[in-house]
Amino acid sequence: MSVCSINVSAQNQAAPRILVLHSYDASYQWTSELQKGIDDANQATDGALKFSIEYLDTKRIFNPDYLATIRSYLRKKYKNYPFDGVIVTDDNALNFFNTLDMPNLRNLPTVAVGIGNPKASLVATTDKGVILYEKDYIEENIKLILRLRPNLQNLYFLVDRSYTASLIHQEVLQVIKKYPQINLVQIRDFSLNDTRYLLEKASPDDAVLLTHFNTEKRFNIFHEYGQIAYQIGHYSRAPVFVLWKFYISGGVLGGYVTRSYQLGFRSVQLLINQLPKEVHEPVANNPIEGFVFDYDALRQHHIDEQLLPRKSFIIGKPKSFIYANWKLLAITGSTIIILIAIIFVLALLLKRKREINRQSQKIVELQKKTVDVQKDLIHLLGDAIETRSGETGNHVKRVAKMSSVLAKLCGLSADECQTIEIVSPMHDIGKIGIQEAILEKPGKLDPDEWRIMQGHVDIGYKILSSSEGKILHYAAIIALEHHEHWNGNGYPSGKSGEDIHIFSRITAIVDVFDALLSERCYKKPWPLDRVINLFEEQCGKQFDPTLTKLFLDNIEGFVAIREKYPDKANES
């Protein structure tokens, strides 16, 4: 059995089931391009249709017994199969379909394409049929031949005796009557080799009209279209014109042709419009027919492209470098323009950045100078306060340096270390509001005096907190909290533990350390051993235990700071 069937399933199991019935074999180029158009159209709908594809192969065998066998085969294969629609291609398949008499194929949406017989109908099978008749554009090609071959005498008409070829033969005979100046040389029963030898001797001013010329019935020979195109197109001295695009190869010139691919695509569009289930209709980009020519054949027969009809499509025409690579050139040009723009912008940004860096450097230098001035003023202010309270020397400078060192030891950032070095000297600024008699009293303060003395932390806080700057904000905190104790027994608020700011806890340690080692109006300087014993005793009580341990483990460094900045009275 020669029939060939293929089942193509869509991903969606509920997809409409479509029978595709081709007149010819899948290897027949006209049919293969038809099926490709059908497949591509279905793909454009995201595989909305499920195809069952059958190829009758009637080019090779076409007799009642064969058709009866195929009819029986299809009835058994698709008995009770729930088809939703049918696509039929070419006349033989349409005639065969009308004889199937299968209940599951009756009254279905049916589309027939590539039909040459204008009297063909689907009425016997369905009332939902659409036929797209194939127009072979005989007269359009005759006019084209006369346009390109004005001195033509003989038109060699190649047509076999197949059913479709017979329809074309009748139409050509009707059209040629309008052109008595043309001598029509009909070649129907020649072998392919004989035809080739004949056309090798044809005049270059003549032309060949190649239609269906596949079958040599006497010898049961069927020629492939590619073989025919080469044998005729390559060896004929006269240009070869055709009716179908797939024929244009091997030296065939071209003509006003039908594209079977577009017929297949169109068949799916027409069928979808009839299906009850809503399916997205694919969009075709090219027309079914048009003027198409082969570039090499035009050159072989010395045909000027200027003579071709408008909107002609030329296959194989070499493109200029610019035309062939216009997308690449456009992308490259755009990229270059963008890169130039980017470089220009980057140059402006770099110039701006350098200017900003110069300005920033100036700002940093000014800030550094400002910070240095602030530090000097703070130290001077601290010195003045210490002097007013009866203290001498570099106490505030030592507190600043020691605070920065201890801050670094406990892991604070460089910015935080610099900040505490700046602000810690202002820890006792509130003493500016305490009476000198209390500040300079050589003996122990009585309760009232002690209460007044404790007020210096609030005074200092009020003075320093009046500004919104970060520096004075931290200075105000230290001024307020540097007499708070880790265990909560300090003043003014009785804060404890980490509720006391880290800056205040650091300043409290180094302030007491330096004060105990220094002479005051109310005491003599303590020896270092006694000071260390006090810190060991007050670790976790008055002072932060972690900071105290760091301080004692690095005591030599703090003693070195005292030696570097001795009291002025000792220097004299």
Protein backbone atom coordinates (compact mmCIF):
# COMPACT_ATOMS: atom_id res chain seq x y z
CA MET A 1 0.00 0.00 0.00
CA SER A 2 1.47 3.37 -1.03
CA VAL A 3 -0.49 5.62 1.28
CA CYS A 4 1.62 7.31 3.94
CA SER A 5 0.21 8.67 7.19
CA ILE A 6 1.64 10.82 9.96
CA ASN A 7 0.02 11.78 13.27
CA VAL A 8 1.11 15.14 14.67
CA SER A 9 -0.08 15.86 18.21
CA ALA A 10 -0.39 19.28 19.72
CA GLN A 11 0.63 19.76 23.33
CA ASN A 12 -2.91 20.57 24.32
CA GLN A 13 -4.88 17.29 24.50
CA ALA A 14 -8.16 19.16 23.96
CA ALA A 15 -6.93 20.59 20.64
CA PRO A 16 -9.23 20.31 17.60
CA ARG A 17 -8.46 17.12 15.61
CA ILE A 18 -7.80 17.83 11.94
CA LEU A 19 -7.46 15.34 9.05
CA VAL A 20 -4.98 16.57 6.40
CA LEU A 21 -5.40 14.71 3.12
CA HIS A 22 -2.74 15.33 0.43
CA SER A 23 -3.05 14.22 -3.20
CA TYR A 24 0.63 13.47 -3.55
CA ASP A 25 3.56 11.94 -1.72
CA ALA A 26 5.45 13.78 1.03
CA SER A 27 8.60 13.81 -1.13
CA TYR A 28 6.76 15.80 -3.83
CA GLN A 29 8.07 19.32 -3.35
CA TRP A 30 4.74 21.04 -3.99
CA THR A 31 3.19 18.91 -1.25
CA SER A 32 6.09 19.20 1.19
CA GLU A 33 5.92 22.99 1.00
CA LEU A 34 2.14 22.88 1.42
CA GLN A 35 2.58 20.82 4.58
CA LYS A 36 5.32 23.12 5.85
CA GLY A 37 2.94 26.06 5.47
CA ILE A 38 0.30 24.10 7.43
CA ASP A 39 2.80 23.23 10.18
CA ASP A 40 4.14 26.78 10.46
CA ALA A 41 0.63 28.21 10.64
CA ASN A 42 -0.20 25.77 13.44
CA GLN A 43 3.02 26.66 15.23
CA ALA A 44 1.99 30.31 15.02
CA THR A 45 -1.12 29.34 17.01
CA ASP A 46 1.10 27.67 19.67
CA GLY A 47 0.17 24.22 18.37
CA ALA A 48 -3.57 24.71 18.77
CA LEU A 49 -4.46 21.98 16.22
CA LYS A 50 -3.81 18.23 16.25
CA PHE A 51 -3.11 16.86 12.77
CA SER A 52 -3.57 13.39 11.28
CA ILE A 53 -1.76 13.58 7.91
CA GLU A 54 -2.35 11.23 4.97
CA TYR A 55 -0.50 11.24 1.61
CA LEU A 56 -2.33 9.50 -1.31
CA ASP A 57 0.70 9.48 -3.67
CA THR A 58 -1.54 9.69 -6.77
CA LYS A 59 1.34 10.89 -8.94
CA ARG A 60 2.74 7.35 -8.85
CA ILE A 61 -0.44 5.30 -8.81
CA PHE A 62 -3.98 6.37 -9.57
CA ASN A 63 -6.53 3.68 -10.45
CA PRO A 64 -9.88 2.52 -9.01
CA ASP A 65 -8.44 -0.55 -7.25
CA TYR A 66 -5.76 1.49 -5.50
CA LEU A 67 -8.27 4.14 -4.41
CA ALA A 68 -10.64 1.46 -3.13
CA THR A 69 -7.84 -0.01 -1.03
CA ILE A 70 -6.97 3.38 0.44
CA ARG A 71 -10.64 4.09 1.10
CA SER A 72 -10.98 0.84 3.05
CA TYR A 73 -7.75 1.53 4.95
CA LEU A 74 -8.85 5.00 6.07
CA ARG A 75 -12.31 3.80 7.10
CA LYS A 76 -10.77 1.17 9.38
CA LYS A 77 -8.04 3.45 10.71
CA TYR A 78 -10.30 6.38 11.60
CA LYS A 79 -13.54 4.60 12.41
CA ASN A 80 -15.39 6.67 15.04
CA TYR A 81 -12.35 8.97 15.46
CA PRO A 82 -13.76 12.37 16.55
CA PHE A 83 -12.42 14.71 13.86
CA ASP A 84 -13.20 18.44 14.14
CA GLY A 85 -12.13 19.54 10.67
CA VAL A 86 -10.47 18.58 7.37
CA ILE A 87 -7.82 20.11 5.08
CA VAL A 88 -7.63 18.73 1.52
CA THR A 89 -4.89 19.65 -0.95
CA ASP A 90 -5.17 19.42 -4.75
CA ASP A 91 -7.84 17.88 -6.98
CA ASN A 92 -7.18 14.17 -6.54
CA ALA A 93 -7.51 14.37 -2.77
CA LEU A 94 -10.71 16.43 -3.08
CA ASN A 95 -12.31 13.94 -5.47
CA PHE A 96 -11.24 11.05 -3.25
CA PHE A 97 -12.52 12.77 -0.09
CA ASN A 98 -15.98 13.13 -1.62
CA THR A 99 -16.13 9.33 -2.05
CA LEU A 100 -15.05 8.35 1.47
CA ASP A 101 -18.58 8.35 2.92
CA MET A 102 -17.33 8.29 6.54
CA PRO A 103 -19.90 9.55 9.08
CA ASN A 104 -17.23 11.11 11.30
CA LEU A 105 -16.04 13.25 8.35
CA ARG A 106 -19.40 14.52 7.16
CA ASN A 107 -20.54 18.11 7.73
CA LEU A 108 -17.23 19.11 9.28
CA PRO A 109 -15.48 22.44 8.61
CA THR A 110 -13.47 21.53 5.52
CA VAL A 111 -10.94 23.54 3.49
CA ALA A 112 -9.64 22.47 0.07
CA VAL A 113 -6.67 24.33 -1.44
CA GLY A 114 -4.71 24.07 -4.68
CA ILE A 115 -7.84 23.00 -6.58
CA GLY A 116 -7.46 23.40 -10.36
CA ASN A 117 -10.93 22.24 -11.45
CA PRO A 118 -13.23 25.27 -11.22
CA LYS A 119 -16.25 22.92 -11.07
CA ALA A 120 -14.96 21.06 -8.01
CA SER A 121 -17.23 21.11 -4.95
CA LEU A 122 -17.53 19.87 -1.35
CA VAL A 123 -21.31 19.99 -1.25
CA ALA A 124 -21.64 16.20 -1.33
CA THR A 125 -19.67 15.90 1.92
CA THR A 126 -20.23 19.04 3.97
CA ASP A 127 -22.15 22.27 4.06
CA LYS A 128 -19.19 23.93 5.82
CA GLY A 129 -16.73 23.66 2.97
CA VAL A 130 -14.39 26.32 1.58
CA ILE A 131 -12.42 25.81 -1.65
CA LEU A 132 -9.37 27.92 -2.52
CA TYR A 133 -9.07 27.36 -6.27
CA GLU A 134 -5.57 27.34 -7.67
CA LYS A 135 -5.11 29.95 -10.33
CA ASP A 136 -2.14 29.10 -12.49
CA TYR A 137 -1.83 32.58 -14.01
CA ILE A 138 -1.35 31.28 -17.55
CA GLU A 139 -2.10 34.57 -19.28
CA GLU A 140 0.08 36.56 -16.87
CA ASN A 141 3.00 34.34 -17.78
CA ILE A 142 2.28 34.54 -21.52
CA LYS A 143 2.37 38.33 -21.29
CA LEU A 144 5.60 38.12 -19.25
CA ILE A 145 7.19 35.85 -21.87
CA LEU A 146 6.35 38.29 -24.68
CA ARG A 147 7.71 41.16 -22.60
CA LEU A 148 11.06 39.47 -22.01
CA ARG A 149 11.23 37.70 -25.38
CA PRO A 150 9.80 40.19 -27.93
CA ASN A 151 11.27 38.18 -30.87
CA LEU A 152 9.71 34.91 -29.72
CA GLN A 153 8.48 32.50 -32.40
CA ASN A 154 8.11 29.18 -30.57
CA LEU A 155 6.76 28.58 -27.09
CA TYR A 156 7.63 25.08 -25.92
CA PHE A 157 4.81 23.87 -23.67
CA LEU A 158 5.85 20.98 -21.40
CA VAL A 159 2.89 19.17 -19.85
CA ASP A 160 2.32 15.48 -18.99
CA ARG A 161 -0.99 13.60 -19.01
CA SER A 162 -1.76 13.60 -15.29
CA TYR A 163 -5.17 14.85 -14.16
CA THR A 164 -3.99 18.27 -12.95
CA ALA A 165 -1.78 18.67 -16.01
CA SER A 166 -4.77 18.05 -18.26
CA LEU A 167 -6.65 20.94 -16.64
CA ILE A 168 -3.66 23.22 -17.22
CA HIS A 169 -3.36 21.98 -20.80
CA GLN A 170 -6.95 22.99 -21.57
CA GLU A 171 -6.47 26.43 -20.04
CA VAL A 172 -3.26 27.10 -21.99
CA LEU A 173 -4.95 26.16 -25.25
CA GLN A 174 -7.75 28.66 -24.52
CA VAL A 175 -5.36 31.49 -23.60
CA ILE A 176 -2.95 30.97 -26.50
CA LYS A 177 -5.77 31.66 -28.98
CA LYS A 178 -5.43 35.33 -28.05
CA TYR A 179 -1.84 35.35 -29.24
CA PRO A 180 -1.74 34.07 -32.83
CA GLN A 181 1.85 35.27 -33.24
CA ILE A 182 2.97 32.47 -30.91
CA ASN A 183 3.66 29.00 -32.28
CA LEU A 184 2.80 26.65 -29.40
CA VAL A 185 5.00 23.51 -29.47
CA GLN A 186 3.30 20.97 -27.20
CA ILE A 187 5.60 18.40 -25.56
CA ARG A 188 3.47 15.81 -23.75
CA ASP A 189 4.78 12.34 -24.47
CA PHE A 190 8.51 12.98 -24.78
CA SER A 191 10.89 11.41 -22.31
CA LEU A 192 12.82 13.79 -20.12
CA ASN A 193 16.04 13.08 -22.03
CA ASP A 194 14.40 13.64 -25.41
CA THR A 195 12.95 16.91 -24.19
CA ARG A 196 16.33 18.01 -22.95
CA TYR A 197 17.96 17.30 -26.33
CA LEU A 198 15.20 19.21 -28.11
CA LEU A 199 15.56 22.30 -25.92
CA GLU A 200 19.34 22.29 -26.27
CA LYS A 201 18.72 23.29 -29.91
CA ALA A 202 15.99 25.86 -29.20
CA SER A 203 16.51 29.49 -30.14
CA PRO A 204 17.51 31.82 -27.28
CA ASP A 205 14.73 34.14 -28.49
CA ASP A 206 12.12 31.45 -27.81
CA ALA A 207 10.78 30.38 -24.40
CA VAL A 208 9.72 27.29 -22.46
CA LEU A 209 6.57 27.01 -20.30
CA LEU A 210 7.22 24.17 -17.87
CA THR A 211 4.16 22.80 -16.02
CA HIS A 212 3.52 19.28 -14.70
CA PHE A 213 6.05 17.13 -16.50
CA ASN A 214 6.78 14.43 -13.94
CA THR A 215 5.13 11.32 -15.27
CA GLU A 216 6.10 9.08 -18.18
CA LYS A 217 3.13 6.74 -17.99
CA ARG A 218 4.31 4.44 -20.75
CA PHE A 219 7.37 3.48 -18.73
CA ASN A 220 5.85 3.99 -15.25
CA ILE A 221 8.49 6.64 -14.51
CA PHE A 222 8.00 9.50 -12.07
CA HIS A 223 10.57 12.31 -12.02
CA GLU A 224 11.33 14.49 -9.01
CA TYR A 225 10.82 18.21 -9.55
CA GLY A 226 14.42 19.03 -8.74
CA GLN A 227 15.56 16.61 -11.44
CA ILE A 228 13.17 18.11 -13.99
CA ALA A 229 14.20 21.67 -13.11
CA TYR A 230 17.87 20.85 -13.64
CA GLN A 231 17.48 18.81 -16.85
CA ILE A 232 15.26 21.47 -18.48
CA GLY A 233 16.56 24.71 -16.91
CA HIS A 234 20.24 23.93 -17.12
CA TYR A 235 20.35 22.68 -20.72
CA SER A 236 17.64 24.71 -22.46
CA ARG A 237 18.96 27.58 -24.62
CA ALA A 238 15.58 29.28 -24.22
CA PRO A 239 14.55 30.69 -20.81
CA VAL A 240 12.24 28.41 -18.82
CA PHE A 241 9.10 29.93 -17.25
CA VAL A 242 7.07 28.13 -14.58
CA LEU A 243 3.79 28.49 -12.68
CA TRP A 244 4.98 27.45 -9.21
CA LYS A 245 7.76 28.81 -7.04
CA PHE A 246 9.16 25.47 -5.93
CA TYR A 247 10.17 24.81 -9.57
CA ILE A 248 12.64 27.74 -9.59
CA SER A 249 16.04 26.04 -9.31
CA GLY A 250 18.67 24.42 -11.53
CA GLY A 251 18.54 27.15 -14.18
CA VAL A 252 14.76 27.71 -14.35
CA LEU A 253 14.13 31.44 -14.87
CA GLY A 254 10.85 31.93 -12.96
CA GLY A 255 7.54 33.64 -13.70
CA TYR A 256 4.32 34.75 -12.11
CA VAL A 257 4.15 31.85 -9.65
CA THR A 258 1.98 30.36 -6.97
CA ARG A 259 3.62 29.62 -3.61
CA SER A 260 2.38 26.31 -2.22
CA TYR A 261 3.76 27.21 1.20
CA GLN A 262 1.37 30.17 1.38
CA LEU A 263 -1.51 27.94 0.22
CA GLY A 264 -0.83 25.63 3.18
CA PHE A 265 -0.62 28.55 5.57
CA ARG A 266 -3.86 29.99 4.18
CA SER A 267 -5.67 26.67 4.56
CA VAL A 268 -5.13 26.78 8.33
CA GLN A 269 -6.34 30.38 8.49
CA LEU A 270 -9.54 29.48 6.60
CA LEU A 271 -10.17 26.38 8.74
CA ILE A 272 -9.67 28.20 12.04
CA ASN A 273 -12.31 30.74 11.00
CA GLN A 274 -14.85 27.87 10.74
CA LEU A 275 -13.98 25.95 13.92
CA PRO A 276 -16.41 26.37 16.81
CA LYS A 277 -13.54 26.46 19.29
CA GLU A 278 -11.85 29.84 19.42
CA VAL A 279 -8.26 29.58 18.13
CA HIS A 280 -5.86 32.44 17.50
CA GLU A 281 -5.57 32.97 13.72
CA PRO A 282 -1.97 32.98 12.40
CA VAL A 283 -0.81 35.91 10.29
CA ALA A 284 0.85 35.31 6.90
CA ASN A 285 3.51 37.77 5.78
CA ASN A 286 3.73 36.91 2.07
CA PRO A 287 1.12 36.75 -0.72
CA ILE A 288 0.21 33.43 -2.34
CA GLU A 289 1.36 34.56 -5.79
CA GLY A 290 3.81 37.01 -7.40
CA PHE A 291 6.71 37.51 -9.82
CA VAL A 292 9.75 35.48 -8.77
CA PHE A 293 12.99 35.01 -10.74
CA ASP A 294 16.35 33.33 -10.35
CA TYR A 295 19.31 35.72 -10.50
CA ASP A 296 21.71 33.28 -12.21
CA ALA A 297 19.10 32.39 -14.84
CA LEU A 298 18.53 36.10 -15.59
CA ARG A 299 22.25 36.49 -16.25
CA GLN A 300 22.42 33.25 -18.26
CA HIS A 301 19.73 34.50 -20.65
CA HIS A 302 20.95 38.11 -20.65
CA ILE A 303 17.72 39.55 -19.23
CA ASP A 304 18.03 43.05 -17.81
CA GLU A 305 16.45 43.43 -14.38
CA GLN A 306 14.98 46.73 -15.57
CA LEU A 307 12.67 44.74 -17.86
CA LEU A 308 11.15 42.81 -14.96
CA PRO A 309 7.74 43.83 -13.58
CA ARG A 310 7.61 46.00 -10.48
CA LYS A 311 7.77 44.22 -7.12
CA SER A 312 9.57 41.24 -8.64
CA PHE A 313 11.46 39.08 -6.16
CA ILE A 314 14.88 37.82 -7.30
CA ILE A 315 16.23 34.64 -5.71
CA GLY A 316 19.98 34.37 -5.14
CA LYS A 317 20.81 37.97 -6.01
CA PRO A 318 24.14 38.96 -4.45
CA LYS A 319 23.65 41.77 -2.00
CA SER A 320 26.01 44.68 -1.62
CA PHE A 321 28.06 44.64 1.53
CA ILE A 322 26.02 47.49 2.94
CA TYR A 323 22.68 45.88 2.02
CA ALA A 324 23.72 42.43 3.19
CA ASN A 325 25.09 43.73 6.48
CA TRP A 326 22.89 46.76 7.10
CA LYS A 327 21.67 45.43 10.43
CA LEU A 328 25.22 44.76 11.59
CA LEU A 329 26.39 48.14 10.26
CA ALA A 330 23.45 49.89 11.91
CA ILE A 331 24.18 48.18 15.21
CA THR A 332 27.91 48.90 14.87
CA GLY A 333 27.27 52.54 13.93
CA SER A 334 24.84 52.97 16.77
CA THR A 335 27.30 51.33 19.14
CA ILE A 336 30.10 53.64 18.00
CA ILE A 337 27.87 56.71 18.41
CA ILE A 338 26.81 55.51 21.85
CA LEU A 339 30.44 54.83 22.81
CA ILE A 340 31.48 58.29 21.61
CA ALA A 341 28.63 59.79 23.61
CA ILE A 342 29.64 57.71 26.64
CA ILE A 343 33.29 58.78 26.26
CA PHE A 344 32.21 62.41 25.95
CA VAL A 345 30.00 62.12 29.03
CA LEU A 346 32.75 60.29 30.92
CA ALA A 347 35.22 63.03 29.96
CA LEU A 348 32.82 65.65 31.30
CA LEU A 349 32.23 63.59 34.42
CA LEU A 350 35.99 63.08 34.88
CA LYS A 351 36.58 66.79 34.49
CA ARG A 352 33.77 67.47 36.93
CA LYS A 353 35.09 64.83 39.29
CA ARG A 354 38.55 66.40 39.24
CA GLU A 355 37.01 69.77 39.97
CA ILE A 356 34.95 68.23 42.78
CA ASN A 357 38.07 66.48 44.10
CA ARG A 358 39.94 69.78 44.08
CA GLN A 359 37.07 71.46 45.87
CA SER A 360 36.73 68.50 48.23
CA GLN A 361 40.45 68.63 48.97
CA LYS A 362 40.12 72.30 49.81
CA ILE A 363 37.10 71.54 51.98
CA VAL A 364 38.97 68.72 53.73
CA GLU A 365 41.92 71.02 54.32
CA LEU A 366 39.60 73.69 55.67
CA GLN A 367 37.81 71.09 57.81
CA LYS A 368 41.16 69.86 59.13
CA LYS A 369 42.17 73.40 59.91
CA THR A 370 38.80 73.97 61.54
CA VAL A 371 39.14 70.78 63.59
CA ASP A 372 42.68 71.76 64.59
CA VAL A 373 41.45 75.20 65.62
CA GLN A 374 38.56 73.59 67.50
CA LYS A 375 40.98 71.27 69.25
CA ASP A 376 43.24 74.15 70.19
CA LEU A 377 40.31 76.22 71.43
CA ILE A 378 38.93 73.28 73.38
CA HIS A 379 42.32 72.62 74.95
CA LEU A 380 42.70 76.29 75.79
CA LEU A 381 39.19 76.35 77.24
CA GLY A 382 39.92 73.18 79.20
CA ASP A 383 43.19 74.61 80.45
CA ALA A 384 41.40 77.79 81.51
CA ILE A 385 38.77 75.81 83.39
CA GLU A 386 41.39 73.60 85.04
CA THR A 387 43.41 76.71 86.00
CA ARG A 388 40.31 78.32 87.49
CA SER A 389 39.69 75.21 89.54
CA GLY A 390 43.20 75.43 90.93
CA GLU A 391 44.70 72.73 88.69
CA THR A 392 47.85 73.20 86.64
CA GLY A 393 49.52 71.63 83.65
CA ASN A 394 48.37 69.60 80.65
CA HIS A 395 45.54 67.59 82.23
CA VAL A 396 43.03 68.23 79.42
CA LYS A 397 45.59 67.39 76.73
CA ARG A 398 46.49 64.14 78.48
CA VAL A 399 42.82 63.24 78.89
CA ALA A 400 42.33 63.83 75.17
CA LYS A 401 45.26 61.62 74.15
CA MET A 402 44.46 58.88 76.67
CA SER A 403 40.79 58.84 75.64
CA SER A 404 41.75 58.34 71.99
CA VAL A 405 44.16 55.49 72.85
CA LEU A 406 41.61 53.67 75.05
CA ALA A 407 38.92 54.15 72.38
CA LYS A 408 41.20 52.53 69.81
CA LEU A 409 41.99 49.63 72.17
CA CYS A 410 38.29 48.86 72.63
CA GLY A 411 37.70 48.77 68.85
CA LEU A 412 36.08 52.11 68.07
CA SER A 413 36.50 53.51 64.56
CA ALA A 414 39.15 56.04 63.55
CA ASP A 415 36.42 58.70 63.27
CA GLU A 416 35.15 57.89 66.77
CA CYS A 417 38.68 57.93 68.17
CA GLN A 418 39.26 61.37 66.65
CA THR A 419 35.91 62.62 67.97
CA ILE A 420 36.54 61.56 71.57
CA GLU A 421 40.01 63.11 71.43
CA ILE A 422 38.38 66.42 70.46
CA VAL A 423 35.48 66.42 72.94
CA SER A 424 36.84 64.72 76.07
CA PRO A 425 38.80 67.83 77.19
CA MET A 426 35.46 69.59 77.76
CA HIS A 427 34.29 67.11 80.36
CA ASP A 428 34.62 69.65 83.21
CA ILE A 429 33.45 72.76 81.32
CA GLY A 430 30.58 73.06 83.82
CA LYS A 431 33.03 74.06 86.52
CA ILE A 432 32.97 77.50 84.94
CA GLY A 433 29.68 78.01 86.83
CA ILE A 434 31.02 76.87 90.23
CA GLN A 435 32.26 79.36 92.83
CA GLU A 436 36.04 79.66 93.07
CA ALA A 437 35.89 79.22 96.84
CA ILE A 438 34.55 75.72 96.32
CA LEU A 439 36.84 74.91 93.43
CA GLU A 440 39.98 76.05 95.30
CA LYS A 441 39.06 74.78 98.77
CA PRO A 442 42.07 72.82 100.04
CA GLY A 443 40.09 70.57 102.32
CA LYS A 444 37.16 68.24 101.97
CA LEU A 445 33.91 69.79 100.80
CA ASP A 446 30.92 69.82 103.18
CA PRO A 447 27.59 68.33 101.96
CA ASP A 448 26.25 71.64 100.68
CA GLU A 449 29.46 72.39 98.85
CA TRP A 450 29.55 68.87 97.42
CA ARG A 451 25.98 69.27 96.16
CA ILE A 452 27.00 72.52 94.45
CA MET A 453 30.11 70.90 92.99
CA GLN A 454 28.03 68.03 91.54
CA GLY A 455 26.00 70.63 89.68
CA HIS A 456 28.92 71.25 87.30
CA VAL A 457 27.83 68.30 85.12
CA ASP A 458 24.39 69.86 84.50
CA ILE A 459 25.94 73.25 83.84
CA GLY A 460 28.36 71.74 81.34
CA TYR A 461 25.56 69.86 79.60
CA LYS A 462 23.43 73.00 79.23
CA ILE A 463 26.35 74.96 77.80
CA LEU A 464 27.33 72.31 75.25
CA SER A 465 23.90 71.02 74.27
CA SER A 466 22.82 74.42 72.99
CA SER A 467 24.51 73.60 69.64
CA GLU A 468 23.18 71.10 67.05
CA GLY A 469 26.67 70.05 65.90
CA LYS A 470 27.86 66.47 66.29
CA ILE A 471 31.05 67.44 68.13
CA LEU A 472 29.34 69.46 70.82
CA HIS A 473 26.57 66.84 71.08
CA TYR A 474 29.13 64.24 72.19
CA ALA A 475 30.90 66.80 74.37
CA ALA A 476 27.59 67.51 76.16
CA ILE A 477 27.05 63.79 76.82
CA ILE A 478 30.55 63.40 78.30
CA ALA A 479 30.11 66.52 80.43
CA LEU A 480 26.86 65.10 81.82
CA GLU A 481 27.84 61.45 82.32
CA HIS A 482 31.54 61.29 83.19
CA HIS A 483 30.73 60.94 86.91
CA GLU A 484 28.21 58.12 86.42
CA HIS A 485 29.32 54.73 87.81
CA TRP A 486 29.09 51.31 86.22
CA ASN A 487 27.15 50.04 89.27
CA GLY A 488 24.72 52.99 89.23
CA ASN A 489 26.10 54.82 92.28
CA GLY A 490 27.31 57.86 90.37
CA TYR A 491 25.65 61.16 89.54
CA PRO A 492 23.67 63.06 88.28
CA SER A 493 21.17 60.39 87.05
CA GLY A 494 22.41 57.16 88.61
CA LYS A 495 22.85 55.52 85.20
CA SER A 496 24.57 52.14 85.09
CA GLY A 497 26.28 49.76 82.72
CA GLU A 498 25.98 50.36 79.00
CA ASP A 499 23.27 52.96 79.54
CA ILE A 500 26.25 55.24 80.09
CA HIS A 501 27.68 56.34 76.73
CA ILE A 502 30.97 54.64 75.77
CA PHE A 503 32.63 58.06 75.40
CA SER A 504 31.65 58.92 78.99
CA ARG A 505 32.90 55.58 80.36
CA ILE A 506 36.27 56.04 78.62
CA THR A 507 36.64 59.64 79.77
CA ALA A 508 35.77 58.69 83.37
CA ILE A 509 38.68 56.19 83.52
CA VAL A 510 41.39 58.40 82.02
CA ASP A 511 40.16 61.52 83.91
CA VAL A 512 40.39 59.76 87.30
CA PHE A 513 43.70 58.12 86.38
CA ASP A 514 45.34 61.40 85.44
CA ALA A 515 43.77 63.33 88.35
CA LEU A 516 45.01 60.83 90.95
CA LEU A 517 48.55 61.00 89.61
CA SER A 518 48.43 64.82 89.57
CA GLU A 519 48.73 67.29 92.46
CA ARG A 520 45.58 69.19 93.39
CA CYS A 521 44.82 71.89 95.92
CA TYR A 522 43.08 69.35 98.07
CA LYS A 523 45.57 66.43 97.70
CA LYS A 524 49.05 65.27 96.89
CA PRO A 525 49.72 63.06 93.80
CA TRP A 526 49.23 59.33 94.33
CA PRO A 527 51.91 56.80 93.50
CA LEU A 528 51.20 54.60 90.47
CA ASP A 529 50.82 51.39 92.49
CA ARG A 530 48.11 52.94 94.65
CA VAL A 531 46.27 54.18 91.51
CA ILE A 532 46.42 50.72 89.93
CA ASN A 533 45.08 49.16 93.13
CA LEU A 534 42.16 51.58 93.08
CA PHE A 535 41.23 50.65 89.51
CA GLU A 536 41.46 46.95 90.31
CA GLU A 537 39.19 47.50 93.29
CA GLN A 538 36.66 49.67 91.36
CA CYS A 539 36.60 47.45 88.24
CA GLY A 540 32.92 46.64 87.67
CA LYS A 541 31.88 49.10 90.35
CA GLN A 542 32.79 52.65 89.44
CA PHE A 543 34.37 51.76 86.10
CA ASP A 544 33.41 49.65 83.05
CA PRO A 545 35.11 46.26 83.72
CA THR A 546 36.04 45.61 80.08
CA LEU A 547 37.51 49.07 79.57
CA THR A 548 39.29 48.88 82.95
CA LYS A 549 40.98 45.59 82.03
CA LEU A 550 42.10 47.04 78.65
CA PHE A 551 43.38 50.11 80.46
CA LEU A 552 45.36 48.16 83.08
CA ASP A 553 46.75 45.73 80.46
CA ASN A 554 48.17 48.72 78.58
CA ILE A 555 49.04 50.94 81.54
CA GLU A 556 52.55 51.61 80.25
CA GLY A 557 51.17 53.46 77.22
CA PHE A 558 49.05 55.75 79.39
CA VAL A 559 51.96 56.47 81.73
CA ALA A 560 54.01 57.35 78.64
CA ILE A 561 51.39 59.95 77.64
CA ARG A 562 51.72 61.59 81.10
CA GLU A 563 55.46 61.69 80.68
CA LYS A 564 55.12 63.22 77.21
CA TYR A 565 52.79 65.97 78.42
CA PRO A 566 53.95 66.75 82.00
CA ASP A 567 52.36 69.41 84.20
CA LYS A 568 53.71 72.87 83.47
CA ALA A 569 54.57 73.40 87.10
CA ASN A 570 56.86 70.36 86.92
CA GLU A 571 58.59 71.67 83.84
CA SER A 572 59.70 74.85 85.50
